[in-house]
Amino acid sequence: MRETSNAHARARRNRRQMSLPETILWTALRGRFPDRPAFRRQHPVGPYVLDFYCAQARLCVEVDGAWHSFGDQPERDAQRDAFLNAQGIRVIRCTASAVLDDATSLANAIFEVARDRSAPSTPSGSPSPVVTGEEH
């Protein structure tokens, strides 16, 4: 239980201290519209706090800064992704630079994945893609 309490406290703190790319992507993802899946920001799941989460699609979106390529961070990200995948949550990782380059196109691509995952025939357990500026 303590782990969950810590995650909730971290989530509240993270909502107040979002990075610039997170803030920009949140601006593009937020809002409830009939034609768009709804996202939450800084959502706790187990011991982790997800940058953005769509409950309907069981989809997590993580904004990765440059530090995600250094040290033991790639292994830690892989462990986190494995935990979330085991919970039935698909993880999309996008680079902070992709958000800064074109947050609107990136958000539209994320909405499309969420819509596909929300459809009744969508299989789960797909590998976690990495979204970069080159793909959008």
N, C-alpha and C. Protein backbone atom coordinates (compact mmCIF):
# COMPACT_ATOMS: atom_id res chain seq x y z
N MET A 1 0.82 -1.20 0.00
CA MET A 1 0.00 0.00 0.00
C MET A 1 0.86 1.26 0.00
N ARG A 2 1.97 1.21 0.70
CA ARG A 2 2.85 2.37 0.76
C ARG A 2 3.37 2.76 -0.62
N GLU A 3 3.68 1.74 -1.43
CA GLU A 3 4.16 1.99 -2.78
C GLU A 3 3.14 2.82 -3.57
N THR A 4 1.86 2.45 -3.46
CA THR A 4 0.80 3.17 -4.15
C THR A 4 0.68 4.59 -3.61
N SER A 5 0.76 4.76 -2.29
CA SER A 5 0.69 6.10 -1.70
C SER A 5 1.83 6.97 -2.20
N ASN A 6 3.02 6.39 -2.29
CA ASN A 6 4.16 7.14 -2.81
C ASN A 6 3.93 7.53 -4.27
N ALA A 7 3.38 6.62 -5.05
CA ALA A 7 3.11 6.91 -6.46
C ALA A 7 2.08 8.04 -6.58
N HIS A 8 1.06 8.03 -5.73
CA HIS A 8 0.05 9.10 -5.78
C HIS A 8 0.67 10.44 -5.40
N ALA A 9 1.53 10.45 -4.41
CA ALA A 9 2.19 11.70 -4.00
C ALA A 9 3.11 12.19 -5.12
N ARG A 10 3.86 11.27 -5.74
CA ARG A 10 4.72 11.65 -6.87
C ARG A 10 3.89 12.18 -8.02
N ALA A 11 2.73 11.57 -8.28
CA ALA A 11 1.87 12.02 -9.37
C ALA A 11 1.40 13.46 -9.14
N ARG A 12 0.98 13.75 -7.92
CA ARG A 12 0.55 15.13 -7.61
C ARG A 12 1.70 16.11 -7.81
N ARG A 13 2.89 15.74 -7.33
CA ARG A 13 4.06 16.61 -7.48
C ARG A 13 4.41 16.78 -8.96
N ASN A 14 4.37 15.68 -9.72
CA ASN A 14 4.72 15.74 -11.14
C ASN A 14 3.74 16.60 -11.93
N ARG A 15 2.48 16.62 -11.54
CA ARG A 15 1.50 17.47 -12.23
C ARG A 15 1.87 18.94 -12.10
N ARG A 16 2.46 19.30 -10.98
CA ARG A 16 2.86 20.69 -10.76
C ARG A 16 4.20 21.01 -11.42
N GLN A 17 5.00 19.98 -11.73
CA GLN A 17 6.36 20.19 -12.22
C GLN A 17 6.60 19.51 -13.57
N MET A 18 5.63 19.56 -14.45
CA MET A 18 5.78 18.92 -15.76
C MET A 18 6.85 19.65 -16.58
N SER A 19 7.58 18.87 -17.38
CA SER A 19 8.59 19.46 -18.26
C SER A 19 7.89 20.21 -19.40
N LEU A 20 8.64 21.03 -20.11
CA LEU A 20 8.06 21.77 -21.24
C LEU A 20 7.46 20.83 -22.28
N PRO A 21 8.17 19.78 -22.74
CA PRO A 21 7.54 18.87 -23.70
C PRO A 21 6.28 18.20 -23.16
N GLU A 22 6.27 17.83 -21.88
CA GLU A 22 5.07 17.24 -21.29
C GLU A 22 3.92 18.24 -21.29
N THR A 23 4.20 19.47 -20.94
CA THR A 23 3.17 20.51 -20.91
C THR A 23 2.60 20.75 -22.31
N ILE A 24 3.47 20.79 -23.30
CA ILE A 24 3.02 21.01 -24.68
C ILE A 24 2.16 19.84 -25.16
N LEU A 25 2.60 18.61 -24.90
CA LEU A 25 1.82 17.45 -25.33
C LEU A 25 0.50 17.38 -24.56
N TRP A 26 0.51 17.71 -23.28
CA TRP A 26 -0.73 17.71 -22.50
C TRP A 26 -1.74 18.69 -23.10
N THR A 27 -1.26 19.85 -23.54
CA THR A 27 -2.15 20.83 -24.15
C THR A 27 -2.82 20.24 -25.39
N ALA A 28 -2.09 19.42 -26.15
CA ALA A 28 -2.64 18.80 -27.36
C ALA A 28 -3.56 17.61 -27.03
N LEU A 29 -3.31 16.91 -25.93
CA LEU A 29 -4.09 15.71 -25.59
C LEU A 29 -5.31 16.00 -24.73
N ARG A 30 -5.28 17.08 -23.97
CA ARG A 30 -6.32 17.31 -22.96
C ARG A 30 -7.65 17.68 -23.59
N GLY A 31 -8.64 17.62 -22.78
CA GLY A 31 -9.99 17.96 -23.23
C GLY A 31 -10.78 16.72 -23.58
N ARG A 32 -12.04 16.77 -23.29
CA ARG A 32 -12.92 15.63 -23.57
C ARG A 32 -13.83 16.02 -24.73
N PHE A 33 -13.65 15.31 -25.83
CA PHE A 33 -14.44 15.54 -27.02
C PHE A 33 -15.01 14.21 -27.47
N PRO A 34 -16.20 14.20 -28.07
CA PRO A 34 -16.83 12.94 -28.45
C PRO A 34 -15.99 12.09 -29.42
N ASP A 35 -15.19 12.72 -30.24
CA ASP A 35 -14.43 11.98 -31.25
C ASP A 35 -13.01 11.64 -30.81
N ARG A 36 -12.66 11.93 -29.55
CA ARG A 36 -11.29 11.69 -29.07
C ARG A 36 -11.29 10.91 -27.77
N PRO A 37 -10.34 9.97 -27.65
CA PRO A 37 -10.18 9.29 -26.37
C PRO A 37 -9.67 10.28 -25.31
N ALA A 38 -10.07 10.08 -24.07
CA ALA A 38 -9.67 10.97 -22.98
C ALA A 38 -8.37 10.48 -22.35
N PHE A 39 -7.50 11.42 -22.04
CA PHE A 39 -6.22 11.12 -21.39
C PHE A 39 -6.16 11.78 -20.02
N ARG A 40 -5.40 11.13 -19.14
CA ARG A 40 -5.07 11.69 -17.83
C ARG A 40 -3.59 11.99 -17.84
N ARG A 41 -3.17 12.94 -17.04
CA ARG A 41 -1.73 13.23 -16.94
C ARG A 41 -1.21 12.77 -15.60
N GLN A 42 0.04 12.34 -15.60
CA GLN A 42 0.73 11.91 -14.38
C GLN A 42 -0.16 10.96 -13.57
N HIS A 43 -0.48 9.84 -14.18
CA HIS A 43 -1.41 8.85 -13.61
C HIS A 43 -0.64 7.71 -12.96
N PRO A 44 -0.87 7.45 -11.65
CA PRO A 44 -0.15 6.36 -10.98
C PRO A 44 -0.71 4.99 -11.36
N VAL A 45 0.20 4.05 -11.63
CA VAL A 45 -0.14 2.65 -11.86
C VAL A 45 0.92 1.83 -11.13
N GLY A 46 0.52 1.12 -10.12
CA GLY A 46 1.49 0.37 -9.32
C GLY A 46 2.52 1.33 -8.77
N PRO A 47 3.81 0.98 -8.90
CA PRO A 47 4.86 1.85 -8.36
C PRO A 47 5.25 2.99 -9.31
N TYR A 48 4.61 3.06 -10.46
CA TYR A 48 5.01 4.01 -11.49
C TYR A 48 4.00 5.16 -11.64
N VAL A 49 4.50 6.26 -12.19
CA VAL A 49 3.64 7.39 -12.56
C VAL A 49 3.79 7.55 -14.07
N LEU A 50 2.69 7.37 -14.79
CA LEU A 50 2.70 7.45 -16.25
C LEU A 50 2.52 8.90 -16.66
N ASP A 51 3.30 9.33 -17.66
CA ASP A 51 3.17 10.71 -18.12
C ASP A 51 1.73 10.99 -18.55
N PHE A 52 1.18 10.14 -19.44
CA PHE A 52 -0.19 10.28 -19.92
C PHE A 52 -0.81 8.89 -20.02
N TYR A 53 -2.10 8.79 -19.71
CA TYR A 53 -2.76 7.49 -19.71
C TYR A 53 -4.18 7.63 -20.23
N CYS A 54 -4.55 6.74 -21.15
CA CYS A 54 -5.91 6.64 -21.65
C CYS A 54 -6.47 5.33 -21.11
N ALA A 55 -7.40 5.43 -20.16
CA ALA A 55 -7.96 4.23 -19.53
C ALA A 55 -8.77 3.40 -20.52
N GLN A 56 -9.53 4.04 -21.37
CA GLN A 56 -10.37 3.34 -22.33
C GLN A 56 -9.54 2.44 -23.25
N ALA A 57 -8.38 2.91 -23.65
CA ALA A 57 -7.51 2.15 -24.56
C ALA A 57 -6.41 1.39 -23.83
N ARG A 58 -6.30 1.60 -22.50
CA ARG A 58 -5.20 1.02 -21.72
C ARG A 58 -3.87 1.34 -22.42
N LEU A 59 -3.68 2.65 -22.64
CA LEU A 59 -2.53 3.16 -23.39
C LEU A 59 -1.78 4.18 -22.55
N CYS A 60 -0.48 3.99 -22.45
CA CYS A 60 0.42 4.89 -21.73
C CYS A 60 1.29 5.62 -22.76
N VAL A 61 1.46 6.91 -22.59
CA VAL A 61 2.35 7.69 -23.44
C VAL A 61 3.42 8.29 -22.54
N GLU A 62 4.67 7.99 -22.85
CA GLU A 62 5.81 8.49 -22.10
C GLU A 62 6.61 9.45 -22.97
N VAL A 63 6.94 10.61 -22.45
CA VAL A 63 7.78 11.58 -23.13
C VAL A 63 9.19 11.40 -22.58
N ASP A 64 10.10 10.95 -23.44
CA ASP A 64 11.47 10.65 -23.03
C ASP A 64 12.43 11.75 -23.44
N GLY A 65 13.11 12.31 -22.45
CA GLY A 65 14.18 13.26 -22.71
C GLY A 65 15.45 12.51 -23.07
N ALA A 66 16.50 13.25 -23.34
CA ALA A 66 17.76 12.65 -23.79
C ALA A 66 18.34 11.68 -22.76
N TRP A 67 18.09 11.91 -21.47
CA TRP A 67 18.68 11.07 -20.42
C TRP A 67 18.19 9.63 -20.49
N HIS A 68 17.12 9.34 -21.21
CA HIS A 68 16.61 7.97 -21.32
C HIS A 68 17.54 7.07 -22.12
N SER A 69 18.55 7.63 -22.75
CA SER A 69 19.51 6.86 -23.52
C SER A 69 20.78 6.55 -22.76
N PHE A 70 20.93 7.05 -21.55
CA PHE A 70 22.19 6.94 -20.82
C PHE A 70 22.09 6.04 -19.59
N GLY A 71 23.25 5.52 -19.20
CA GLY A 71 23.36 4.74 -17.98
C GLY A 71 22.44 3.54 -17.97
N ASP A 72 21.81 3.32 -16.83
CA ASP A 72 20.92 2.17 -16.70
C ASP A 72 19.47 2.52 -17.06
N GLN A 73 19.24 3.73 -17.54
CA GLN A 73 17.87 4.16 -17.84
C GLN A 73 17.19 3.29 -18.90
N PRO A 74 17.87 2.87 -19.99
CA PRO A 74 17.19 1.98 -20.95
C PRO A 74 16.69 0.68 -20.30
N GLU A 75 17.49 0.10 -19.39
CA GLU A 75 17.05 -1.12 -18.71
C GLU A 75 15.88 -0.83 -17.78
N ARG A 76 15.93 0.29 -17.09
CA ARG A 76 14.83 0.66 -16.19
C ARG A 76 13.54 0.91 -16.99
N ASP A 77 13.67 1.56 -18.15
CA ASP A 77 12.50 1.78 -19.01
C ASP A 77 11.93 0.44 -19.49
N ALA A 78 12.82 -0.50 -19.84
CA ALA A 78 12.37 -1.82 -20.30
C ALA A 78 11.63 -2.56 -19.19
N GLN A 79 12.12 -2.47 -17.96
CA GLN A 79 11.44 -3.11 -16.83
C GLN A 79 10.07 -2.49 -16.60
N ARG A 80 10.01 -1.19 -16.69
CA ARG A 80 8.75 -0.47 -16.51
C ARG A 80 7.76 -0.87 -17.59
N ASP A 81 8.24 -0.90 -18.85
CA ASP A 81 7.37 -1.30 -19.97
C ASP A 81 6.87 -2.73 -19.78
N ALA A 82 7.74 -3.63 -19.33
CA ALA A 82 7.34 -5.03 -19.11
C ALA A 82 6.26 -5.11 -18.03
N PHE A 83 6.43 -4.36 -16.95
CA PHE A 83 5.42 -4.33 -15.89
C PHE A 83 4.08 -3.84 -16.45
N LEU A 84 4.10 -2.75 -17.19
CA LEU A 84 2.87 -2.19 -17.73
C LEU A 84 2.24 -3.12 -18.75
N ASN A 85 3.06 -3.73 -19.62
CA ASN A 85 2.53 -4.69 -20.59
C ASN A 85 1.86 -5.86 -19.89
N ALA A 86 2.43 -6.32 -18.79
CA ALA A 86 1.84 -7.41 -18.01
C ALA A 86 0.49 -7.01 -17.43
N GLN A 87 0.27 -5.71 -17.24
CA GLN A 87 -1.01 -5.20 -16.75
C GLN A 87 -1.99 -4.96 -17.90
N GLY A 88 -1.56 -5.24 -19.14
CA GLY A 88 -2.40 -5.01 -20.31
C GLY A 88 -2.34 -3.59 -20.83
N ILE A 89 -1.32 -2.85 -20.40
CA ILE A 89 -1.17 -1.45 -20.82
C ILE A 89 -0.07 -1.37 -21.87
N ARG A 90 -0.41 -0.83 -23.02
CA ARG A 90 0.58 -0.62 -24.08
C ARG A 90 1.29 0.70 -23.82
N VAL A 91 2.58 0.71 -24.08
CA VAL A 91 3.39 1.91 -23.84
C VAL A 91 3.88 2.46 -25.17
N ILE A 92 3.65 3.74 -25.37
CA ILE A 92 4.23 4.46 -26.51
C ILE A 92 5.24 5.42 -25.92
N ARG A 93 6.46 5.36 -26.43
CA ARG A 93 7.50 6.29 -26.01
C ARG A 93 7.75 7.26 -27.15
N CYS A 94 7.70 8.54 -26.83
CA CYS A 94 8.01 9.56 -27.84
C CYS A 94 9.12 10.44 -27.27
N THR A 95 9.92 10.94 -28.16
CA THR A 95 11.04 11.77 -27.72
C THR A 95 10.55 13.18 -27.44
N ALA A 96 11.21 13.83 -26.52
CA ALA A 96 10.89 15.22 -26.20
C ALA A 96 11.05 16.09 -27.45
N SER A 97 12.06 15.78 -28.26
CA SER A 97 12.27 16.58 -29.47
C SER A 97 11.13 16.42 -30.47
N ALA A 98 10.52 15.22 -30.53
CA ALA A 98 9.37 15.02 -31.42
C ALA A 98 8.19 15.88 -30.95
N VAL A 99 8.01 15.98 -29.65
CA VAL A 99 6.94 16.82 -29.11
C VAL A 99 7.20 18.28 -29.46
N LEU A 100 8.43 18.72 -29.27
CA LEU A 100 8.77 20.11 -29.57
C LEU A 100 8.66 20.42 -31.06
N ASP A 101 8.97 19.43 -31.91
CA ASP A 101 8.91 19.63 -33.36
C ASP A 101 7.48 19.78 -33.87
N ASP A 102 6.57 18.90 -33.41
CA ASP A 102 5.20 18.94 -33.93
C ASP A 102 4.25 18.17 -33.00
N ALA A 103 3.87 18.81 -31.93
CA ALA A 103 3.01 18.17 -30.92
C ALA A 103 1.63 17.82 -31.48
N THR A 104 1.12 18.62 -32.38
CA THR A 104 -0.21 18.36 -32.92
C THR A 104 -0.24 17.07 -33.72
N SER A 105 0.72 16.88 -34.61
CA SER A 105 0.78 15.64 -35.40
C SER A 105 1.02 14.44 -34.50
N LEU A 106 1.88 14.61 -33.52
CA LEU A 106 2.16 13.53 -32.58
C LEU A 106 0.89 13.17 -31.81
N ALA A 107 0.17 14.16 -31.32
CA ALA A 107 -1.08 13.91 -30.59
C ALA A 107 -2.09 13.20 -31.48
N ASN A 108 -2.19 13.59 -32.74
CA ASN A 108 -3.11 12.93 -33.67
C ASN A 108 -2.75 11.46 -33.86
N ALA A 109 -1.45 11.17 -33.96
CA ALA A 109 -1.00 9.78 -34.08
C ALA A 109 -1.33 8.99 -32.81
N ILE A 110 -1.17 9.62 -31.66
CA ILE A 110 -1.50 8.98 -30.39
C ILE A 110 -3.00 8.71 -30.30
N PHE A 111 -3.82 9.67 -30.72
CA PHE A 111 -5.27 9.47 -30.72
C PHE A 111 -5.65 8.29 -31.61
N GLU A 112 -4.98 8.16 -32.74
CA GLU A 112 -5.27 7.06 -33.66
C GLU A 112 -4.96 5.71 -33.02
N VAL A 113 -3.82 5.61 -32.34
CA VAL A 113 -3.47 4.37 -31.63
C VAL A 113 -4.51 4.09 -30.55
N ALA A 114 -4.91 5.11 -29.82
CA ALA A 114 -5.91 4.93 -28.76
C ALA A 114 -7.25 4.49 -29.33
N ARG A 115 -7.66 5.06 -30.45
CA ARG A 115 -8.91 4.64 -31.09
C ARG A 115 -8.82 3.18 -31.52
N ASP A 116 -7.70 2.80 -32.14
CA ASP A 116 -7.51 1.42 -32.58
C ASP A 116 -7.56 0.45 -31.40
N ARG A 117 -6.94 0.84 -30.30
CA ARG A 117 -6.92 -0.04 -29.11
C ARG A 117 -8.27 -0.08 -28.42
N SER A 118 -9.08 0.94 -28.61
CA SER A 118 -10.41 0.97 -27.99
C SER A 118 -11.42 0.14 -28.77
N ALA A 119 -11.09 -0.16 -30.03
CA ALA A 119 -11.99 -0.97 -30.85
C ALA A 119 -12.07 -2.38 -30.28
N PRO A 120 -13.23 -3.02 -30.34
CA PRO A 120 -13.41 -4.34 -29.74
C PRO A 120 -12.47 -5.42 -30.27
N SER A 121 -12.02 -5.34 -31.52
CA SER A 121 -11.21 -6.40 -32.10
C SER A 121 -9.71 -6.19 -31.95
N THR A 122 -9.29 -5.18 -31.18
CA THR A 122 -7.88 -4.85 -31.05
C THR A 122 -7.15 -5.89 -30.19
N PRO A 123 -6.08 -6.51 -30.74
CA PRO A 123 -5.31 -7.43 -29.91
C PRO A 123 -4.43 -6.66 -28.94
N SER A 124 -4.17 -7.26 -27.79
CA SER A 124 -3.30 -6.60 -26.82
C SER A 124 -1.93 -7.25 -26.84
N GLY A 125 -1.00 -6.64 -26.14
CA GLY A 125 0.34 -7.21 -26.03
C GLY A 125 1.25 -6.84 -27.18
N SER A 126 0.88 -5.84 -27.97
CA SER A 126 1.75 -5.42 -29.07
C SER A 126 3.02 -4.82 -28.51
N PRO A 127 4.12 -4.90 -29.27
CA PRO A 127 5.36 -4.29 -28.77
C PRO A 127 5.21 -2.78 -28.62
N SER A 128 5.98 -2.23 -27.71
CA SER A 128 5.92 -0.80 -27.44
C SER A 128 6.72 -0.03 -28.50
N PRO A 129 6.04 0.81 -29.29
CA PRO A 129 6.77 1.56 -30.31
C PRO A 129 7.47 2.77 -29.69
N VAL A 130 8.48 3.24 -30.40
CA VAL A 130 9.12 4.49 -30.04
C VAL A 130 8.74 5.47 -31.14
N VAL A 131 8.15 6.58 -30.78
CA VAL A 131 7.73 7.57 -31.75
C VAL A 131 8.77 8.67 -31.79
N THR A 132 9.31 8.92 -32.95
CA THR A 132 10.30 9.98 -33.10
C THR A 132 9.79 11.00 -34.11
N GLY A 133 10.47 12.09 -34.23
CA GLY A 133 10.09 13.13 -35.17
C GLY A 133 10.12 12.67 -36.61
N GLU A 134 10.95 11.68 -36.93
CA GLU A 134 11.07 11.23 -38.31
C GLU A 134 9.82 10.49 -38.78
N GLU A 135 9.08 9.88 -37.84
CA GLU A 135 7.92 9.09 -38.22
C GLU A 135 6.69 9.95 -38.43
N HIS A 136 6.72 11.19 -38.00
CA HIS A 136 5.51 12.01 -38.08
C HIS A 136 5.77 13.23 -38.87
